[in-house]
Amino acid sequence: MEFIDLAKGICILLVIGLHTGAMPDSLAWLGMIRMPLYFVLSGLFFKDYGNFRGSVVRKVNKLLIPFVFFTLPMGLISILWKTIFMGISR
């Protein structure tokens, strides 16, 4: 199964290379397969969590709660930073 992770990593590097312009134009055709290939490889290990409610609860616990706990403090720090340092420079 390690080869699938390696293939996904190569797809990610292709995305970065094509978005930054680091890849030569002769490899531009890889742009057509990078995202579909990544999604196919990711879908190989899709796990069914029973019903819709169970899936939503799992996604909220794994994605939304960490997002909120990271975003709120970073937003407050950003507001304080701008208030303190932008207020001084004016």
PDB file of N, CA and C in Angstrom:
ATOM      1  N   MET A   1       0.805  -1.202   0.000  1.00  0.00           N
ATOM      2  CA  MET A   1       0.000   0.000   0.000  1.00  0.00           C
ATOM      3  C   MET A   1       0.848   1.267   0.000  1.00  0.00           C
ATOM      4  N   GLU A   2       2.138   1.133   0.255  1.00  0.00           N
ATOM      5  CA  GLU A   2       2.994   2.307   0.285  1.00  0.00           C
ATOM      6  C   GLU A   2       3.108   2.949  -1.094  1.00  0.00           C
ATOM      7  N   PHE A   3       2.973   2.141  -2.145  1.00  0.00           N
ATOM      8  CA  PHE A   3       3.087   2.690  -3.492  1.00  0.00           C
ATOM      9  C   PHE A   3       1.939   3.654  -3.793  1.00  0.00           C
ATOM     10  N   ILE A   4       0.785   3.450  -3.155  1.00  0.00           N
ATOM     11  CA  ILE A   4      -0.345   4.362  -3.367  1.00  0.00           C
ATOM     12  C   ILE A   4      -0.037   5.713  -2.722  1.00  0.00           C
ATOM     13  N   ASP A   5       0.528   5.695  -1.526  1.00  0.00           N
ATOM     14  CA  ASP A   5       0.934   6.956  -0.893  1.00  0.00           C
ATOM     15  C   ASP A   5       2.006   7.661  -1.725  1.00  0.00           C
ATOM     16  N   LEU A   6       2.914   6.896  -2.283  1.00  0.00           N
ATOM     17  CA  LEU A   6       3.950   7.471  -3.141  1.00  0.00           C
ATOM     18  C   LEU A   6       3.322   8.105  -4.379  1.00  0.00           C
ATOM     19  N   ALA A   7       2.373   7.421  -4.991  1.00  0.00           N
ATOM     20  CA  ALA A   7       1.702   7.957  -6.178  1.00  0.00           C
ATOM     21  C   ALA A   7       0.925   9.230  -5.833  1.00  0.00           C
ATOM     22  N   LYS A   8       0.271   9.253  -4.667  1.00  0.00           N
ATOM     23  CA  LYS A   8      -0.436  10.466  -4.243  1.00  0.00           C
ATOM     24  C   LYS A   8       0.551  11.604  -4.014  1.00  0.00           C
ATOM     25  N   GLY A   9       1.698  11.296  -3.455  1.00  0.00           N
ATOM     26  CA  GLY A   9       2.734  12.308  -3.246  1.00  0.00           C
ATOM     27  C   GLY A   9       3.233  12.877  -4.559  1.00  0.00           C
ATOM     28  N   ILE A  10       3.394  12.017  -5.553  1.00  0.00           N
ATOM     29  CA  ILE A  10       3.811  12.482  -6.879  1.00  0.00           C
ATOM     30  C   ILE A  10       2.747  13.390  -7.479  1.00  0.00           C
ATOM     31  N   CYS A  11       1.477  13.039  -7.292  1.00  0.00           N
ATOM     32  CA  CYS A  11       0.393  13.896  -7.785  1.00  0.00           C
ATOM     33  C   CYS A  11       0.437  15.265  -7.112  1.00  0.00           C
ATOM     34  N   ILE A  12       0.700  15.295  -5.820  1.00  0.00           N
ATOM     35  CA  ILE A  12       0.796  16.562  -5.103  1.00  0.00           C
ATOM     36  C   ILE A  12       1.966  17.384  -5.634  1.00  0.00           C
ATOM     37  N   LEU A  13       3.098  16.740  -5.883  1.00  0.00           N
ATOM     38  CA  LEU A  13       4.243  17.452  -6.450  1.00  0.00           C
ATOM     39  C   LEU A  13       3.935  17.975  -7.851  1.00  0.00           C
ATOM     40  N   LEU A  14       3.151  17.234  -8.620  1.00  0.00           N
ATOM     41  CA  LEU A  14       2.737  17.711  -9.935  1.00  0.00           C
ATOM     42  C   LEU A  14       1.875  18.968  -9.822  1.00  0.00           C
ATOM     43  N   VAL A  15       0.968  18.972  -8.862  1.00  0.00           N
ATOM     44  CA  VAL A  15       0.129  20.151  -8.648  1.00  0.00           C
ATOM     45  C   VAL A  15       1.002  21.353  -8.308  1.00  0.00           C
ATOM     46  N   ILE A  16       1.924  21.173  -7.383  1.00  0.00           N
ATOM     47  CA  ILE A  16       2.810  22.269  -6.983  1.00  0.00           C
ATOM     48  C   ILE A  16       3.665  22.718  -8.168  1.00  0.00           C
ATOM     49  N   GLY A  17       4.241  21.768  -8.879  1.00  0.00           N
ATOM     50  CA  GLY A  17       5.101  22.101 -10.007  1.00  0.00           C
ATOM     51  C   GLY A  17       4.372  22.853 -11.108  1.00  0.00           C
ATOM     52  N   LEU A  18       3.150  22.424 -11.409  1.00  0.00           N
ATOM     53  CA  LEU A  18       2.406  23.084 -12.476  1.00  0.00           C
ATOM     54  C   LEU A  18       1.854  24.444 -12.035  1.00  0.00           C
ATOM     55  N   HIS A  19       1.500  24.588 -10.763  1.00  0.00           N
ATOM     56  CA  HIS A  19       0.985  25.874 -10.280  1.00  0.00           C
ATOM     57  C   HIS A  19       2.087  26.915 -10.140  1.00  0.00           C
ATOM     58  N   THR A  20       3.284  26.484  -9.828  1.00  0.00           N
ATOM     59  CA  THR A  20       4.385  27.439  -9.657  1.00  0.00           C
ATOM     60  C   THR A  20       5.144  27.689 -10.949  1.00  0.00           C
ATOM     61  N   GLY A  21       4.866  26.929 -11.969  1.00  0.00           N
ATOM     62  CA  GLY A  21       5.562  27.083 -13.236  1.00  0.00           C
ATOM     63  C   GLY A  21       6.940  26.447 -13.241  1.00  0.00           C
ATOM     64  N   ALA A  22       7.192  25.557 -12.293  1.00  0.00           N
ATOM     65  CA  ALA A  22       8.505  24.927 -12.177  1.00  0.00           C
ATOM     66  C   ALA A  22       8.689  23.761 -13.140  1.00  0.00           C
ATOM     67  N   MET A  23       7.613  23.322 -13.782  1.00  0.00           N
ATOM     68  CA  MET A  23       7.719  22.191 -14.701  1.00  0.00           C
ATOM     69  C   MET A  23       7.809  22.699 -16.129  1.00  0.00           C
ATOM     70  N   PRO A  24       8.586  22.030 -16.964  1.00  0.00           N
ATOM     71  CA  PRO A  24       8.692  22.457 -18.364  1.00  0.00           C
ATOM     72  C   PRO A  24       7.378  22.245 -19.115  1.00  0.00           C
ATOM     73  N   ASP A  25       7.205  22.995 -20.180  1.00  0.00           N
ATOM     74  CA  ASP A  25       5.973  22.898 -20.967  1.00  0.00           C
ATOM     75  C   ASP A  25       5.790  21.516 -21.591  1.00  0.00           C
ATOM     76  N   SER A  26       6.866  20.793 -21.792  1.00  0.00           N
ATOM     77  CA  SER A  26       6.757  19.466 -22.390  1.00  0.00           C
ATOM     78  C   SER A  26       6.032  18.477 -21.476  1.00  0.00           C
ATOM     79  N   LEU A  27       5.945  18.793 -20.182  1.00  0.00           N
ATOM     80  CA  LEU A  27       5.232  17.926 -19.232  1.00  0.00           C
ATOM     81  C   LEU A  27       3.858  18.467 -18.866  1.00  0.00           C
ATOM     82  N   ALA A  28       3.386  19.467 -19.607  1.00  0.00           N
ATOM     83  CA  ALA A  28       2.092  20.084 -19.290  1.00  0.00           C
ATOM     84  C   ALA A  28       0.936  19.086 -19.413  1.00  0.00           C
ATOM     85  N   TRP A  29       1.085  18.062 -20.229  1.00  0.00           N
ATOM     86  CA  TRP A  29       0.030  17.061 -20.380  1.00  0.00           C
ATOM     87  C   TRP A  29      -0.253  16.339 -19.069  1.00  0.00           C
ATOM     88  N   LEU A  30       0.705  16.334 -18.157  1.00  0.00           N
ATOM     89  CA  LEU A  30       0.475  15.704 -16.853  1.00  0.00           C
ATOM     90  C   LEU A  30      -0.575  16.453 -16.053  1.00  0.00           C
ATOM     91  N   GLY A  31      -0.797  17.710 -16.413  1.00  0.00           N
ATOM     92  CA  GLY A  31      -1.821  18.505 -15.729  1.00  0.00           C
ATOM     93  C   GLY A  31      -3.211  17.922 -15.885  1.00  0.00           C
ATOM     94  N   MET A  32      -3.436  17.192 -16.968  1.00  0.00           N
ATOM     95  CA  MET A  32      -4.761  16.607 -17.193  1.00  0.00           C
ATOM     96  C   MET A  32      -5.029  15.408 -16.300  1.00  0.00           C
ATOM     97  N   ILE A  33      -3.992  14.753 -15.809  1.00  0.00           N
ATOM     98  CA  ILE A  33      -4.219  13.524 -15.048  1.00  0.00           C
ATOM     99  C   ILE A  33      -3.927  13.669 -13.562  1.00  0.00           C
ATOM    100  N   ARG A  34      -3.319  14.768 -13.137  1.00  0.00           N
ATOM    101  CA  ARG A  34      -2.858  14.852 -11.749  1.00  0.00           C
ATOM    102  C   ARG A  34      -4.005  14.796 -10.740  1.00  0.00           C
ATOM    103  N   MET A  35      -5.045  15.594 -10.920  1.00  0.00           N
ATOM    104  CA  MET A  35      -6.135  15.604  -9.950  1.00  0.00           C
ATOM    105  C   MET A  35      -7.039  14.380 -10.066  1.00  0.00           C
ATOM    106  N   PRO A  36      -7.452  13.971 -11.270  1.00  0.00           N
ATOM    107  CA  PRO A  36      -8.253  12.739 -11.347  1.00  0.00           C
ATOM    108  C   PRO A  36      -7.526  11.531 -10.753  1.00  0.00           C
ATOM    109  N   LEU A  37      -6.227  11.420 -11.027  1.00  0.00           N
ATOM    110  CA  LEU A  37      -5.465  10.305 -10.475  1.00  0.00           C
ATOM    111  C   LEU A  37      -5.428  10.370  -8.955  1.00  0.00           C
ATOM    112  N   TYR A  38      -5.235  11.566  -8.405  1.00  0.00           N
ATOM    113  CA  TYR A  38      -5.200  11.721  -6.948  1.00  0.00           C
ATOM    114  C   TYR A  38      -6.535  11.294  -6.330  1.00  0.00           C
ATOM    115  N   PHE A  39      -7.640  11.726  -6.917  1.00  0.00           N
ATOM    116  CA  PHE A  39      -8.950  11.369  -6.368  1.00  0.00           C
ATOM    117  C   PHE A  39      -9.233   9.876  -6.501  1.00  0.00           C
ATOM    118  N   VAL A  40      -8.818   9.277  -7.577  1.00  0.00           N
ATOM    119  CA  VAL A  40      -9.003   7.825  -7.735  1.00  0.00           C
ATOM    120  C   VAL A  40      -8.193   7.083  -6.676  1.00  0.00           C
ATOM    121  N   LEU A  41      -6.947   7.493  -6.495  1.00  0.00           N
ATOM    122  CA  LEU A  41      -6.104   6.833  -5.495  1.00  0.00           C
ATOM    123  C   LEU A  41      -6.651   7.029  -4.086  1.00  0.00           C
ATOM    124  N   SER A  42      -7.181   8.213  -3.801  1.00  0.00           N
ATOM    125  CA  SER A  42      -7.760   8.462  -2.478  1.00  0.00           C
ATOM    126  C   SER A  42      -9.034   7.660  -2.275  1.00  0.00           C
ATOM    127  N   GLY A  43      -9.804   7.486  -3.341  1.00  0.00           N
ATOM    128  CA  GLY A  43     -11.056   6.746  -3.241  1.00  0.00           C
ATOM    129  C   GLY A  43     -10.873   5.253  -3.053  1.00  0.00           C
ATOM    130  N   LEU A  44      -9.677   4.746  -3.279  1.00  0.00           N
ATOM    131  CA  LEU A  44      -9.443   3.314  -3.095  1.00  0.00           C
ATOM    132  C   LEU A  44      -9.655   2.879  -1.654  1.00  0.00           C
ATOM    133  N   PHE A  45      -9.475   3.806  -0.737  1.00  0.00           N
ATOM    134  CA  PHE A  45      -9.588   3.465   0.682  1.00  0.00           C
ATOM    135  C   PHE A  45     -10.774   4.138   1.352  1.00  0.00           C
ATOM    136  N   PHE A  46     -11.812   4.426   0.556  1.00  0.00           N
ATOM    137  CA  PHE A  46     -13.022   5.019   1.104  1.00  0.00           C
ATOM    138  C   PHE A  46     -13.658   4.048   2.085  1.00  0.00           C
ATOM    139  N   LYS A  47     -14.067   4.575   3.231  1.00  0.00           N
ATOM    140  CA  LYS A  47     -14.682   3.740   4.255  1.00  0.00           C
ATOM    141  C   LYS A  47     -16.094   4.231   4.512  1.00  0.00           C
ATOM    142  N   ASP A  48     -17.031   3.328   4.472  1.00  0.00           N
ATOM    143  CA  ASP A  48     -18.425   3.666   4.734  1.00  0.00           C
ATOM    144  C   ASP A  48     -18.658   3.647   6.242  1.00  0.00           C
ATOM    145  N   TYR A  49     -19.209   4.728   6.776  1.00  0.00           N
ATOM    146  CA  TYR A  49     -19.442   4.834   8.214  1.00  0.00           C
ATOM    147  C   TYR A  49     -20.899   4.581   8.582  1.00  0.00           C
ATOM    148  N   GLY A  50     -21.578   3.805   7.802  1.00  0.00           N
ATOM    149  CA  GLY A  50     -22.953   3.455   8.126  1.00  0.00           C
ATOM    150  C   GLY A  50     -23.927   4.433   7.514  1.00  0.00           C
ATOM    151  N   ASN A  51     -24.550   5.223   8.362  1.00  0.00           N
ATOM    152  CA  ASN A  51     -25.568   6.141   7.873  1.00  0.00           C
ATOM    153  C   ASN A  51     -25.003   7.553   7.665  1.00  0.00           C
ATOM    154  N   PHE A  52     -25.843   8.420   7.155  1.00  0.00           N
ATOM    155  CA  PHE A  52     -25.431   9.786   6.858  1.00  0.00           C
ATOM    156  C   PHE A  52     -25.062  10.547   8.127  1.00  0.00           C
ATOM    157  N   ARG A  53     -25.851  10.357   9.178  1.00  0.00           N
ATOM    158  CA  ARG A  53     -25.609  11.067  10.442  1.00  0.00           C
ATOM    159  C   ARG A  53     -24.238  10.696  11.025  1.00  0.00           C
ATOM    160  N   GLY A  54     -23.910   9.424  11.009  1.00  0.00           N
ATOM    161  CA  GLY A  54     -22.617   8.982  11.517  1.00  0.00           C
ATOM    162  C   GLY A  54     -21.463   9.571  10.732  1.00  0.00           C
ATOM    163  N   SER A  55     -21.649   9.680   9.430  1.00  0.00           N
ATOM    164  CA  SER A  55     -20.614  10.265   8.589  1.00  0.00           C
ATOM    165  C   SER A  55     -20.438  11.753   8.880  1.00  0.00           C
ATOM    166  N   VAL A  56     -21.546  12.469   9.051  1.00  0.00           N
ATOM    167  CA  VAL A  56     -21.480  13.903   9.348  1.00  0.00           C
ATOM    168  C   VAL A  56     -20.838  14.142  10.707  1.00  0.00           C
ATOM    169  N   VAL A  57     -21.226  13.355  11.705  1.00  0.00           N
ATOM    170  CA  VAL A  57     -20.643  13.515  13.047  1.00  0.00           C
ATOM    171  C   VAL A  57     -19.141  13.269  12.999  1.00  0.00           C
ATOM    172  N   ARG A  58     -18.726  12.273  12.280  1.00  0.00           N
ATOM    173  CA  ARG A  58     -17.294  11.966  12.169  1.00  0.00           C
ATOM    174  C   ARG A  58     -16.543  13.100  11.466  1.00  0.00           C
ATOM    175  N   LYS A  59     -17.104  13.625  10.390  1.00  0.00           N
ATOM    176  CA  LYS A  59     -16.452  14.718   9.666  1.00  0.00           C
ATOM    177  C   LYS A  59     -16.380  15.984  10.518  1.00  0.00           C
ATOM    178  N   VAL A  60     -17.430  16.282  11.265  1.00  0.00           N
ATOM    179  CA  VAL A  60     -17.422  17.463  12.143  1.00  0.00           C
ATOM    180  C   VAL A  60     -16.341  17.300  13.200  1.00  0.00           C
ATOM    181  N   ASN A  61     -16.254  16.134  13.799  1.00  0.00           N
ATOM    182  CA  ASN A  61     -15.248  15.911  14.835  1.00  0.00           C
ATOM    183  C   ASN A  61     -13.828  15.971  14.286  1.00  0.00           C
ATOM    184  N   LYS A  62     -13.633  15.486  13.078  1.00  0.00           N
ATOM    185  CA  LYS A  62     -12.274  15.431  12.527  1.00  0.00           C
ATOM    186  C   LYS A  62     -11.863  16.699  11.786  1.00  0.00           C
ATOM    187  N   LEU A  63     -12.821  17.453  11.243  1.00  0.00           N
ATOM    188  CA  LEU A  63     -12.482  18.603  10.418  1.00  0.00           C
ATOM    189  C   LEU A  63     -12.938  19.940  10.996  1.00  0.00           C
ATOM    190  N   LEU A  64     -14.210  20.035  11.335  1.00  0.00           N
ATOM    191  CA  LEU A  64     -14.773  21.324  11.729  1.00  0.00           C
ATOM    192  C   LEU A  64     -14.279  21.790  13.091  1.00  0.00           C
ATOM    193  N   ILE A  65     -14.253  20.923  14.067  1.00  0.00           N
ATOM    194  CA  ILE A  65     -13.813  21.317  15.412  1.00  0.00           C
ATOM    195  C   ILE A  65     -12.350  21.753  15.408  1.00  0.00           C
ATOM    196  N   PRO A  66     -11.412  21.000  14.817  1.00  0.00           N
ATOM    197  CA  PRO A  66     -10.034  21.504  14.762  1.00  0.00           C
ATOM    198  C   PRO A  66      -9.913  22.805  13.962  1.00  0.00           C
ATOM    199  N   PHE A  67     -10.693  22.954  12.901  1.00  0.00           N
ATOM    200  CA  PHE A  67     -10.662  24.176  12.118  1.00  0.00           C
ATOM    201  C   PHE A  67     -11.081  25.371  12.968  1.00  0.00           C
ATOM    202  N   VAL A  68     -12.161  25.229  13.719  1.00  0.00           N
ATOM    203  CA  VAL A  68     -12.640  26.331  14.558  1.00  0.00           C
ATOM    204  C   VAL A  68     -11.632  26.644  15.651  1.00  0.00           C
ATOM    205  N   PHE A  69     -11.083  25.641  16.303  1.00  0.00           N
ATOM    206  CA  PHE A  69     -10.130  25.880  17.382  1.00  0.00           C
ATOM    207  C   PHE A  69      -8.798  26.443  16.882  1.00  0.00           C
ATOM    208  N   PHE A  70      -8.495  26.292  15.620  1.00  0.00           N
ATOM    209  CA  PHE A  70      -7.294  26.908  15.060  1.00  0.00           C
ATOM    210  C   PHE A  70      -7.606  28.312  14.537  1.00  0.00           C
ATOM    211  N   THR A  71      -8.738  28.458  13.854  1.00  0.00           N
ATOM    212  CA  THR A  71      -9.066  29.715  13.198  1.00  0.00           C
ATOM    213  C   THR A  71      -9.394  30.827  14.187  1.00  0.00           C
ATOM    214  N   LEU A  72     -10.140  30.538  15.230  1.00  0.00           N
ATOM    215  CA  LEU A  72     -10.508  31.590  16.198  1.00  0.00           C
ATOM    216  C   LEU A  72      -9.298  32.217  16.874  1.00  0.00           C
ATOM    217  N   PRO A  73      -8.380  31.433  17.452  1.00  0.00           N
ATOM    218  CA  PRO A  73      -7.199  32.071  18.054  1.00  0.00           C
ATOM    219  C   PRO A  73      -6.347  32.822  17.028  1.00  0.00           C
ATOM    220  N   MET A  74      -6.194  32.261  15.831  1.00  0.00           N
ATOM    221  CA  MET A  74      -5.395  32.944  14.816  1.00  0.00           C
ATOM    222  C   MET A  74      -6.061  34.243  14.371  1.00  0.00           C
ATOM    223  N   GLY A  75      -7.374  34.243  14.292  1.00  0.00           N
ATOM    224  CA  GLY A  75      -8.098  35.468  13.956  1.00  0.00           C
ATOM    225  C   GLY A  75      -7.941  36.525  15.027  1.00  0.00           C
ATOM    226  N   LEU A  76      -8.039  36.113  16.285  1.00  0.00           N
ATOM    227  CA  LEU A  76      -7.862  37.059  17.387  1.00  0.00           C
ATOM    228  C   LEU A  76      -6.440  37.606  17.421  1.00  0.00           C
ATOM    229  N   ILE A  77      -5.466  36.746  17.212  1.00  0.00           N
ATOM    230  CA  ILE A  77      -4.071  37.200  17.185  1.00  0.00           C
ATOM    231  C   ILE A  77      -3.866  38.185  16.039  1.00  0.00           C
ATOM    232  N   SER A  78      -4.454  37.912  14.886  1.00  0.00           N
ATOM    233  CA  SER A  78      -4.328  38.801  13.734  1.00  0.00           C
ATOM    234  C   SER A  78      -4.955  40.164  14.025  1.00  0.00           C
ATOM    235  N   ILE A  79      -6.130  40.165  14.631  1.00  0.00           N
ATOM    236  CA  ILE A  79      -6.799  41.427  14.964  1.00  0.00           C
ATOM    237  C   ILE A  79      -5.983  42.215  15.976  1.00  0.00           C
ATOM    238  N   LEU A  80      -5.493  41.533  17.018  1.00  0.00           N
ATOM    239  CA  LEU A  80      -4.672  42.215  18.019  1.00  0.00           C
ATOM    240  C   LEU A  80      -3.384  42.758  17.407  1.00  0.00           C
ATOM    241  N   TRP A  81      -2.758  41.959  16.551  1.00  0.00           N
ATOM    242  CA  TRP A  81      -1.510  42.370  15.902  1.00  0.00           C
ATOM    243  C   TRP A  81      -1.733  43.636  15.072  1.00  0.00           C
ATOM    244  N   LYS A  82      -2.794  43.633  14.274  1.00  0.00           N
ATOM    245  CA  LYS A  82      -3.075  44.799  13.447  1.00  0.00           C
ATOM    246  C   LYS A  82      -3.445  46.010  14.290  1.00  0.00           C
ATOM    247  N   THR A  83      -4.204  45.788  15.361  1.00  0.00           N
ATOM    248  CA  THR A  83      -4.603  46.893  16.213  1.00  0.00           C
ATOM    249  C   THR A  83      -3.397  47.502  16.924  1.00  0.00           C
ATOM    250  N   ILE A  84      -2.535  46.654  17.448  1.00  0.00           N
ATOM    251  CA  ILE A  84      -1.392  47.156  18.207  1.00  0.00           C
ATOM    252  C   ILE A  84      -0.362  47.801  17.285  1.00  0.00           C
ATOM    253  N   PHE A  85       0.056  47.118  16.244  1.00  0.00           N
ATOM    254  CA  PHE A  85       1.171  47.602  15.425  1.00  0.00           C
ATOM    255  C   PHE A  85       0.746  48.552  14.329  1.00  0.00           C
ATOM    256  N   MET A  86      -0.443  48.387  13.784  1.00  0.00           N
ATOM    257  CA  MET A  86      -0.909  49.330  12.769  1.00  0.00           C
ATOM    258  C   MET A  86      -1.370  50.632  13.422  1.00  0.00           C
ATOM    259  N   GLY A  87      -1.869  50.519  14.633  1.00  0.00           N
ATOM    260  CA  GLY A  87      -2.287  51.724  15.368  1.00  0.00           C
ATOM    261  C   GLY A  87      -1.104  52.592  15.747  1.00  0.00           C
ATOM    262  N   ILE A  88       0.047  51.960  16.048  1.00  0.00           N
ATOM    263  CA  ILE A  88       1.255  52.701  16.444  1.00  0.00           C
ATOM    264  C   ILE A  88       1.850  53.440  15.245  1.00  0.00           C
ATOM    265  N   SER A  89       1.809  52.818  14.076  1.00  0.00           N
ATOM    266  CA  SER A  89       2.467  53.409  12.921  1.00  0.00           C
ATOM    267  C   SER A  89       1.688  54.567  12.317  1.00  0.00           C
ATOM    268  N   ARG A  90       0.451  54.762  12.688  1.00  0.00           N
ATOM    269  CA  ARG A  90      -0.362  55.849  12.096  1.00  0.00           C
ATOM    270  C   ARG A  90      -0.203  57.113  12.820  1.00  0.00           C
TER     271      ARG A  90
END
